[in-house]
């Protein structure tokens, strides 16, 4: 099943769009936690290199060890992951990544500052992130 999901993701990534499973996770997380869907989508698209399946589903890692669609890494962002109700899931699960991120964003606005893509796309010199 995971191979099929990755293949569907590969086809979707050719257009820079998320696969259906990823899209569903972003929508559900946005609705559940009341965070703007477009903001969550844009940050996920930026962090994952336009939803590249090897980033979203693994095994690709960033230079600092970032994992998954929303690029969680050991250290500060790993503590964000572990503090969430979805800590038992992998950052390579796009549903879990969307829910962890939306949950944190709903806790405090400043949590968004953790994501460089959010700062690039949404902070735009407003100095929200200090």
Protein backbone atom coordinates (compact mmCIF):
# COMPACT_ATOMS: atom_id res chain seq x y z
CA UNK A 1 0.00 0.00 0.00
CA UNK A 2 2.79 2.44 0.89
CA UNK A 3 4.40 1.81 -2.53
CA UNK A 4 1.11 2.72 -4.22
CA UNK A 5 0.81 5.91 -2.14
CA UNK A 6 4.38 6.88 -3.04
CA UNK A 7 3.72 6.24 -6.76
CA UNK A 8 0.57 8.38 -6.65
CA UNK A 9 2.62 11.00 -4.80
CA UNK A 10 5.31 10.87 -7.47
CA UNK A 11 2.78 11.55 -10.21
CA UNK A 12 1.24 14.40 -8.20
CA UNK A 13 4.64 15.92 -7.46
CA UNK A 14 5.35 16.34 -11.17
CA UNK A 15 2.78 19.13 -11.07
CA UNK A 16 3.90 20.48 -7.69
CA UNK A 17 0.62 19.37 -6.12
CA UNK A 18 0.15 17.11 -3.10
CA UNK A 19 -1.33 13.65 -3.50
CA UNK A 20 -4.85 13.04 -2.22
CA UNK A 21 -3.71 11.60 1.14
CA UNK A 22 -1.48 14.60 1.83
CA UNK A 23 -4.13 17.09 0.72
CA UNK A 24 -6.69 15.41 2.98
CA UNK A 25 -4.33 15.65 5.95
CA UNK A 26 -3.70 19.35 5.37
CA UNK A 27 -7.44 20.07 5.06
CA UNK A 28 -8.44 18.06 8.12
CA UNK A 29 -5.68 19.55 10.27
CA UNK A 30 -6.55 23.07 9.17
CA UNK A 31 -10.23 22.56 9.97
CA UNK A 32 -9.65 20.79 13.26
CA UNK A 33 -7.33 23.47 14.66
CA UNK A 34 -8.66 26.55 12.92
CA UNK A 35 -5.43 27.50 11.19
CA UNK A 36 -5.57 28.99 7.69
CA UNK A 37 -5.51 26.18 5.14
CA UNK A 38 -3.61 28.21 2.55
CA UNK A 39 -0.91 29.09 5.06
CA UNK A 40 -0.43 25.45 6.09
CA UNK A 41 -0.49 24.33 2.44
CA UNK A 42 2.03 26.99 1.34
CA UNK A 43 4.48 26.16 4.11
CA UNK A 44 4.19 22.42 3.44
CA UNK A 45 4.73 22.99 -0.29
CA UNK A 46 7.79 25.16 0.35
CA UNK A 47 9.32 22.89 3.01
CA UNK A 48 8.80 19.73 0.94
CA UNK A 49 10.12 21.07 -2.36
CA UNK A 50 6.65 21.10 -3.96
CA UNK A 51 5.51 17.90 -2.24
CA UNK A 52 8.35 15.71 -3.52
CA UNK A 53 7.39 12.17 -2.41
CA UNK A 54 10.90 11.29 -1.22
CA UNK A 55 10.63 14.26 1.14
CA UNK A 56 6.99 13.75 2.18
CA UNK A 57 7.22 9.96 2.63
CA UNK A 58 10.97 9.48 3.06
CA UNK A 59 13.76 8.58 3.01
CA UNK A 60 15.09 12.03 2.00
CA UNK A 61 16.45 14.24 4.77
CA UNK A 62 17.58 17.84 4.76
CA UNK A 63 21.16 18.91 5.50
CA UNK A 64 20.38 19.21 9.21
CA UNK A 65 18.43 15.92 9.28
CA UNK A 66 14.99 17.40 8.60
CA UNK A 67 12.30 14.80 7.96
CA UNK A 68 8.95 14.77 6.23
CA UNK A 69 6.67 17.27 4.56
CA UNK A 70 7.09 19.89 7.27
CA UNK A 71 10.76 19.18 7.96
CA UNK A 72 10.97 18.16 11.59
CA UNK A 73 14.54 17.69 12.84
CA UNK A 74 16.13 16.41 16.02
CA UNK A 75 16.55 19.25 18.46
CA UNK A 76 14.10 22.13 18.68
CA UNK A 77 11.58 20.91 16.12
CA UNK A 78 11.88 17.36 17.37
CA UNK A 79 10.78 18.60 20.79
CA UNK A 80 7.79 20.23 19.05
CA UNK A 81 6.99 16.82 17.55
CA UNK A 82 7.42 14.95 20.84
CA UNK A 83 5.25 17.45 22.74
CA UNK A 84 2.31 16.78 20.42
CA UNK A 85 -0.44 14.17 20.72
CA UNK A 86 0.98 12.55 17.54
CA UNK A 87 4.49 11.89 18.88
CA UNK A 88 4.18 8.14 18.22
CA UNK A 89 3.85 8.75 14.45
CA UNK A 90 6.63 9.41 11.97
CA UNK A 91 7.35 12.86 10.50
CA UNK A 92 7.17 10.98 7.17
CA UNK A 93 3.42 10.51 7.71
CA UNK A 94 1.93 13.60 6.01
CA UNK A 95 -1.26 13.41 8.07
CA UNK A 96 0.71 13.38 11.32
CA UNK A 97 2.99 16.18 10.09
CA UNK A 98 -0.02 18.34 9.18
CA UNK A 99 -1.75 17.66 12.50
CA UNK A 100 1.36 18.28 14.62
CA UNK A 101 2.03 21.55 12.82
CA UNK A 102 -1.57 22.82 12.91
CA UNK A 103 -1.85 21.85 16.58
CA UNK A 104 1.28 23.85 17.44
CA UNK A 105 0.18 26.82 15.35
CA UNK A 106 -3.15 26.84 17.18
CA UNK A 107 -1.36 26.97 20.54
CA UNK A 108 0.55 30.17 19.86
CA UNK A 109 1.06 32.26 16.75
CA UNK A 110 4.81 32.54 17.36
CA UNK A 111 5.27 28.79 16.85
CA UNK A 112 5.02 29.53 13.11
CA UNK A 113 8.40 31.29 13.35
CA UNK A 114 10.07 27.89 13.62
CA UNK A 115 9.50 27.28 9.89
CA UNK A 116 11.84 29.23 7.61
CA UNK A 117 9.29 28.93 4.81
CA UNK A 118 6.63 30.57 6.98
CA UNK A 119 9.02 33.43 7.74
CA UNK A 120 9.81 33.76 4.02
CA UNK A 121 6.19 33.59 2.81
CA UNK A 122 4.24 35.26 5.63
CA UNK A 123 6.44 37.27 7.99
CA UNK A 124 7.86 39.43 5.18
CA UNK A 125 9.65 41.90 7.41
CA UNK A 126 6.78 42.37 9.84
CA UNK A 127 9.19 41.22 12.53
CA UNK A 128 6.60 38.91 14.06
CA UNK A 129 9.39 36.44 14.60
CA UNK A 130 11.84 38.92 16.07
